[in-house]
Amino acid sequence: MPYIDTTTNVKISKSSEETIKSKFGEGIKILGKSESWLMLNFTDNQRMYFQSDNSKPMAMVEVKLFGKAQASAYDRMTSFITDTISNELNIPPNRVYVKYEEVSYWGWNGSNF
């Protein structure tokens, strides 16, 4: 039950969205999760500031998981996400934040896991 929310101040083309979607679908396996449960959200063209500046591209990627993953998996996933965003949206790696949240309770289909 992973969820990845990507927010950026740049435009995400349909082609880039599809590429990132596919890559995140493969990459979620790093955290021991399956693409079949993966939900994604993309929010582009946002008014964002980083280091008091909004003139450069930036992104915030939030990953929520039901359960936990190992620290080494989070390290690999951060690298994977940063590379994907950097390559596809031309956002420098030092302007990409990645946040993780481990969730104990996750509801679906009217009940909880």
N, C-alpha and C. Protein backbone atom coordinates (compact mmCIF):
# COMPACT_ATOMS: atom_id res chain seq x y z
N MET A 1 0.81 -1.17 0.00
CA MET A 1 0.00 0.00 0.00
C MET A 1 0.86 1.26 0.00
N PRO A 2 1.76 1.38 -0.91
CA PRO A 2 2.55 2.61 -0.96
C PRO A 2 1.81 3.72 -1.72
N TYR A 3 2.15 4.95 -1.34
CA TYR A 3 1.61 6.13 -1.99
C TYR A 3 2.78 7.09 -2.20
N ILE A 4 2.95 7.59 -3.42
CA ILE A 4 4.02 8.54 -3.71
C ILE A 4 3.37 9.80 -4.28
N ASP A 5 3.63 10.91 -3.59
CA ASP A 5 3.08 12.21 -3.95
C ASP A 5 4.23 13.11 -4.40
N THR A 6 4.21 13.54 -5.64
CA THR A 6 5.26 14.38 -6.21
C THR A 6 4.71 15.77 -6.47
N THR A 7 5.33 16.77 -5.83
CA THR A 7 4.94 18.17 -6.02
C THR A 7 6.15 18.92 -6.54
N THR A 8 5.93 19.74 -7.56
CA THR A 8 7.03 20.48 -8.17
C THR A 8 6.54 21.83 -8.69
N ASN A 9 7.49 22.72 -8.91
CA ASN A 9 7.15 24.02 -9.47
C ASN A 9 7.32 24.06 -10.99
N VAL A 10 7.66 22.95 -11.60
CA VAL A 10 7.79 22.88 -13.06
C VAL A 10 6.60 22.13 -13.66
N LYS A 11 6.41 22.31 -14.94
CA LYS A 11 5.35 21.61 -15.67
C LYS A 11 5.78 20.16 -15.89
N ILE A 12 4.89 19.23 -15.62
CA ILE A 12 5.14 17.81 -15.91
C ILE A 12 4.34 17.45 -17.15
N SER A 13 5.04 17.15 -18.22
CA SER A 13 4.35 16.76 -19.45
C SER A 13 3.72 15.38 -19.27
N LYS A 14 2.76 15.07 -20.10
CA LYS A 14 2.12 13.75 -20.04
C LYS A 14 3.16 12.65 -20.24
N SER A 15 4.09 12.88 -21.15
CA SER A 15 5.15 11.90 -21.41
C SER A 15 6.04 11.69 -20.18
N SER A 16 6.44 12.78 -19.54
CA SER A 16 7.26 12.68 -18.33
C SER A 16 6.49 12.00 -17.20
N GLU A 17 5.22 12.34 -17.07
CA GLU A 17 4.39 11.70 -16.04
C GLU A 17 4.34 10.19 -16.25
N GLU A 18 4.15 9.77 -17.48
CA GLU A 18 4.10 8.33 -17.78
C GLU A 18 5.44 7.66 -17.48
N THR A 19 6.53 8.32 -17.83
CA THR A 19 7.85 7.75 -17.56
C THR A 19 8.09 7.64 -16.06
N ILE A 20 7.80 8.70 -15.32
CA ILE A 20 8.00 8.67 -13.87
C ILE A 20 7.09 7.62 -13.24
N LYS A 21 5.85 7.53 -13.68
CA LYS A 21 4.91 6.52 -13.19
C LYS A 21 5.49 5.12 -13.36
N SER A 22 6.00 4.85 -14.53
CA SER A 22 6.57 3.52 -14.80
C SER A 22 7.81 3.25 -13.94
N LYS A 23 8.67 4.26 -13.84
CA LYS A 23 9.89 4.09 -13.04
C LYS A 23 9.56 3.91 -11.57
N PHE A 24 8.65 4.71 -11.03
CA PHE A 24 8.26 4.56 -9.63
C PHE A 24 7.61 3.19 -9.40
N GLY A 25 6.88 2.71 -10.39
CA GLY A 25 6.28 1.37 -10.29
C GLY A 25 7.33 0.29 -10.14
N GLU A 26 8.43 0.42 -10.84
CA GLU A 26 9.54 -0.53 -10.70
C GLU A 26 10.32 -0.27 -9.42
N GLY A 27 10.56 1.01 -9.13
CA GLY A 27 11.39 1.37 -7.99
C GLY A 27 10.79 1.04 -6.64
N ILE A 28 9.46 0.97 -6.56
CA ILE A 28 8.83 0.70 -5.27
C ILE A 28 9.24 -0.66 -4.72
N LYS A 29 9.70 -1.52 -5.59
CA LYS A 29 10.19 -2.84 -5.17
C LYS A 29 11.40 -2.72 -4.25
N ILE A 30 12.14 -1.62 -4.37
CA ILE A 30 13.30 -1.38 -3.50
C ILE A 30 12.87 -1.42 -2.04
N LEU A 31 11.65 -0.92 -1.77
CA LEU A 31 11.13 -0.88 -0.41
C LEU A 31 10.34 -2.13 -0.05
N GLY A 32 10.39 -3.12 -0.93
CA GLY A 32 9.70 -4.38 -0.66
C GLY A 32 8.21 -4.31 -0.90
N LYS A 33 7.77 -3.35 -1.71
CA LYS A 33 6.35 -3.18 -2.00
C LYS A 33 6.08 -3.51 -3.46
N SER A 34 4.80 -3.63 -3.78
CA SER A 34 4.39 -4.04 -5.11
C SER A 34 3.72 -2.89 -5.87
N GLU A 35 3.98 -2.83 -7.16
CA GLU A 35 3.34 -1.83 -8.01
C GLU A 35 1.82 -2.02 -8.04
N SER A 36 1.36 -3.24 -7.82
CA SER A 36 -0.08 -3.50 -7.90
C SER A 36 -0.87 -2.75 -6.83
N TRP A 37 -0.21 -2.30 -5.76
CA TRP A 37 -0.87 -1.52 -4.72
C TRP A 37 -0.45 -0.05 -4.72
N LEU A 38 0.40 0.33 -5.64
CA LEU A 38 0.97 1.67 -5.65
C LEU A 38 -0.03 2.71 -6.16
N MET A 39 -0.18 3.80 -5.39
CA MET A 39 -0.97 4.95 -5.82
C MET A 39 -0.02 6.13 -5.96
N LEU A 40 -0.20 6.91 -7.02
CA LEU A 40 0.66 8.05 -7.30
C LEU A 40 -0.17 9.32 -7.45
N ASN A 41 0.43 10.44 -7.10
CA ASN A 41 -0.16 11.75 -7.35
C ASN A 41 0.93 12.66 -7.89
N PHE A 42 0.59 13.46 -8.89
CA PHE A 42 1.51 14.44 -9.45
C PHE A 42 0.84 15.81 -9.40
N THR A 43 1.53 16.77 -8.78
CA THR A 43 1.05 18.15 -8.72
C THR A 43 2.17 19.02 -9.26
N ASP A 44 1.92 19.69 -10.37
CA ASP A 44 2.97 20.50 -11.00
C ASP A 44 2.60 21.98 -10.97
N ASN A 45 3.53 22.80 -11.44
CA ASN A 45 3.34 24.25 -11.54
C ASN A 45 2.93 24.91 -10.22
N GLN A 46 3.47 24.42 -9.12
CA GLN A 46 3.14 24.98 -7.81
C GLN A 46 4.04 26.14 -7.45
N ARG A 47 3.53 27.04 -6.62
CA ARG A 47 4.36 28.12 -6.09
C ARG A 47 5.13 27.55 -4.91
N MET A 48 6.42 27.34 -5.11
CA MET A 48 7.27 26.74 -4.10
C MET A 48 8.53 27.58 -3.91
N TYR A 49 9.06 27.53 -2.70
CA TYR A 49 10.31 28.21 -2.39
C TYR A 49 11.25 27.21 -1.74
N PHE A 50 12.51 27.30 -2.09
CA PHE A 50 13.55 26.52 -1.44
C PHE A 50 14.73 27.46 -1.24
N GLN A 51 15.21 27.56 -0.02
CA GLN A 51 16.29 28.48 0.32
C GLN A 51 15.90 29.92 -0.04
N SER A 52 14.64 30.27 0.25
CA SER A 52 14.07 31.60 -0.01
C SER A 52 14.05 31.99 -1.48
N ASP A 53 14.07 31.01 -2.37
CA ASP A 53 14.13 31.28 -3.80
C ASP A 53 13.08 30.44 -4.52
N ASN A 54 12.32 31.05 -5.40
CA ASN A 54 11.35 30.30 -6.19
C ASN A 54 11.66 30.35 -7.69
N SER A 55 12.86 30.80 -8.04
CA SER A 55 13.19 30.98 -9.45
C SER A 55 13.82 29.74 -10.09
N LYS A 56 14.12 28.72 -9.29
CA LYS A 56 14.76 27.51 -9.82
C LYS A 56 13.84 26.31 -9.65
N PRO A 57 14.00 25.30 -10.51
CA PRO A 57 13.19 24.09 -10.39
C PRO A 57 13.45 23.37 -9.06
N MET A 58 12.38 22.77 -8.51
CA MET A 58 12.49 22.01 -7.27
C MET A 58 11.35 21.00 -7.20
N ALA A 59 11.53 20.02 -6.32
CA ALA A 59 10.48 19.02 -6.13
C ALA A 59 10.51 18.49 -4.70
N MET A 60 9.33 18.15 -4.23
CA MET A 60 9.14 17.48 -2.94
C MET A 60 8.41 16.18 -3.24
N VAL A 61 9.03 15.06 -2.87
CA VAL A 61 8.43 13.75 -3.11
C VAL A 61 8.18 13.10 -1.75
N GLU A 62 6.92 12.75 -1.50
CA GLU A 62 6.55 12.10 -0.23
C GLU A 62 6.14 10.67 -0.51
N VAL A 63 6.75 9.76 0.25
CA VAL A 63 6.49 8.33 0.09
C VAL A 63 5.88 7.83 1.40
N LYS A 64 4.69 7.26 1.30
CA LYS A 64 4.03 6.69 2.48
C LYS A 64 3.90 5.19 2.29
N LEU A 65 4.22 4.45 3.35
CA LEU A 65 4.19 2.99 3.29
C LEU A 65 3.36 2.43 4.41
N PHE A 66 2.66 1.37 4.14
CA PHE A 66 2.06 0.58 5.21
C PHE A 66 3.17 -0.34 5.71
N GLY A 67 3.53 -0.18 6.96
CA GLY A 67 4.62 -0.99 7.52
C GLY A 67 5.94 -0.24 7.44
N LYS A 68 7.01 -1.01 7.38
CA LYS A 68 8.36 -0.45 7.45
C LYS A 68 9.25 -1.02 6.35
N ALA A 69 10.37 -0.34 6.18
CA ALA A 69 11.43 -0.82 5.28
C ALA A 69 12.76 -0.61 6.00
N GLN A 70 13.80 -1.24 5.51
CA GLN A 70 15.11 -1.10 6.11
C GLN A 70 15.75 0.23 5.71
N ALA A 71 16.60 0.76 6.59
CA ALA A 71 17.28 2.04 6.33
C ALA A 71 18.04 2.01 5.01
N SER A 72 18.69 0.90 4.71
CA SER A 72 19.45 0.80 3.46
C SER A 72 18.52 0.88 2.24
N ALA A 73 17.30 0.36 2.38
CA ALA A 73 16.33 0.44 1.28
C ALA A 73 15.89 1.89 1.07
N TYR A 74 15.71 2.63 2.16
CA TYR A 74 15.35 4.04 2.03
C TYR A 74 16.47 4.81 1.34
N ASP A 75 17.72 4.50 1.68
CA ASP A 75 18.86 5.16 1.02
C ASP A 75 18.84 4.91 -0.49
N ARG A 76 18.62 3.66 -0.88
CA ARG A 76 18.58 3.32 -2.31
C ARG A 76 17.39 3.98 -3.00
N MET A 77 16.24 4.01 -2.30
CA MET A 77 15.04 4.61 -2.88
C MET A 77 15.21 6.11 -3.06
N THR A 78 15.84 6.78 -2.11
CA THR A 78 16.08 8.22 -2.25
C THR A 78 16.93 8.50 -3.48
N SER A 79 17.97 7.72 -3.66
CA SER A 79 18.83 7.87 -4.83
C SER A 79 18.02 7.63 -6.11
N PHE A 80 17.21 6.59 -6.11
CA PHE A 80 16.39 6.24 -7.27
C PHE A 80 15.41 7.35 -7.61
N ILE A 81 14.69 7.85 -6.59
CA ILE A 81 13.71 8.91 -6.82
C ILE A 81 14.40 10.17 -7.32
N THR A 82 15.49 10.56 -6.66
CA THR A 82 16.21 11.77 -7.04
C THR A 82 16.71 11.67 -8.48
N ASP A 83 17.29 10.54 -8.85
CA ASP A 83 17.76 10.34 -10.22
C ASP A 83 16.61 10.43 -11.22
N THR A 84 15.49 9.81 -10.89
CA THR A 84 14.33 9.81 -11.79
C THR A 84 13.82 11.23 -12.01
N ILE A 85 13.63 11.97 -10.93
CA ILE A 85 13.12 13.34 -11.02
C ILE A 85 14.13 14.24 -11.75
N SER A 86 15.39 14.08 -11.42
CA SER A 86 16.44 14.88 -12.05
C SER A 86 16.51 14.63 -13.55
N ASN A 87 16.51 13.37 -13.93
CA ASN A 87 16.62 13.01 -15.35
C ASN A 87 15.38 13.38 -16.15
N GLU A 88 14.22 13.19 -15.56
CA GLU A 88 12.98 13.39 -16.32
C GLU A 88 12.49 14.84 -16.31
N LEU A 89 12.73 15.56 -15.20
CA LEU A 89 12.21 16.92 -15.09
C LEU A 89 13.30 17.98 -15.07
N ASN A 90 14.55 17.56 -15.22
CA ASN A 90 15.69 18.49 -15.23
C ASN A 90 15.77 19.32 -13.95
N ILE A 91 15.50 18.66 -12.83
CA ILE A 91 15.62 19.30 -11.53
C ILE A 91 16.91 18.80 -10.89
N PRO A 92 17.81 19.69 -10.51
CA PRO A 92 19.07 19.25 -9.91
C PRO A 92 18.82 18.43 -8.63
N PRO A 93 19.62 17.41 -8.39
CA PRO A 93 19.43 16.56 -7.20
C PRO A 93 19.42 17.34 -5.89
N ASN A 94 20.18 18.43 -5.83
CA ASN A 94 20.22 19.20 -4.58
C ASN A 94 18.99 20.10 -4.40
N ARG A 95 18.01 19.95 -5.30
CA ARG A 95 16.76 20.70 -5.18
C ARG A 95 15.56 19.75 -5.11
N VAL A 96 15.85 18.51 -4.68
CA VAL A 96 14.80 17.50 -4.52
C VAL A 96 14.82 17.00 -3.07
N TYR A 97 13.70 17.15 -2.39
CA TYR A 97 13.53 16.55 -1.06
C TYR A 97 12.71 15.28 -1.21
N VAL A 98 13.04 14.28 -0.40
CA VAL A 98 12.26 13.04 -0.36
C VAL A 98 11.94 12.77 1.11
N LYS A 99 10.67 12.59 1.40
CA LYS A 99 10.21 12.34 2.77
C LYS A 99 9.52 10.98 2.82
N TYR A 100 9.78 10.24 3.89
CA TYR A 100 9.16 8.93 4.09
C TYR A 100 8.27 8.95 5.32
N GLU A 101 7.18 8.22 5.23
CA GLU A 101 6.30 8.05 6.38
C GLU A 101 5.87 6.60 6.43
N GLU A 102 6.12 5.98 7.58
CA GLU A 102 5.69 4.60 7.81
C GLU A 102 4.36 4.64 8.55
N VAL A 103 3.36 3.98 8.00
CA VAL A 103 2.00 4.04 8.52
C VAL A 103 1.61 2.71 9.13
N SER A 104 1.07 2.76 10.34
CA SER A 104 0.65 1.54 11.04
C SER A 104 -0.74 1.09 10.63
N TYR A 105 -1.60 2.05 10.33
CA TYR A 105 -2.98 1.73 9.95
C TYR A 105 -3.24 2.26 8.56
N TRP A 106 -3.77 1.39 7.71
CA TRP A 106 -4.04 1.77 6.33
C TRP A 106 -5.37 1.15 5.94
N GLY A 107 -6.30 2.02 5.56
CA GLY A 107 -7.62 1.53 5.19
C GLY A 107 -7.77 1.36 3.69
N TRP A 108 -8.57 0.39 3.32
CA TRP A 108 -8.88 0.13 1.90
C TRP A 108 -10.15 -0.70 1.84
N ASN A 109 -10.98 -0.41 0.91
CA ASN A 109 -12.16 -1.21 0.64
C ASN A 109 -13.06 -1.36 1.88
N GLY A 110 -13.14 -0.29 2.68
CA GLY A 110 -14.04 -0.28 3.82
C GLY A 110 -13.51 -0.88 5.11
N SER A 111 -12.25 -1.32 5.11
CA SER A 111 -11.66 -1.86 6.34
C SER A 111 -10.17 -1.55 6.38
N ASN A 112 -9.49 -1.97 7.43
CA ASN A 112 -8.07 -1.70 7.59
C ASN A 112 -7.25 -2.97 7.46
N PHE A 113 -6.01 -2.77 7.01
CA PHE A 113 -5.08 -3.90 6.94
C PHE A 113 -4.51 -4.16 8.31
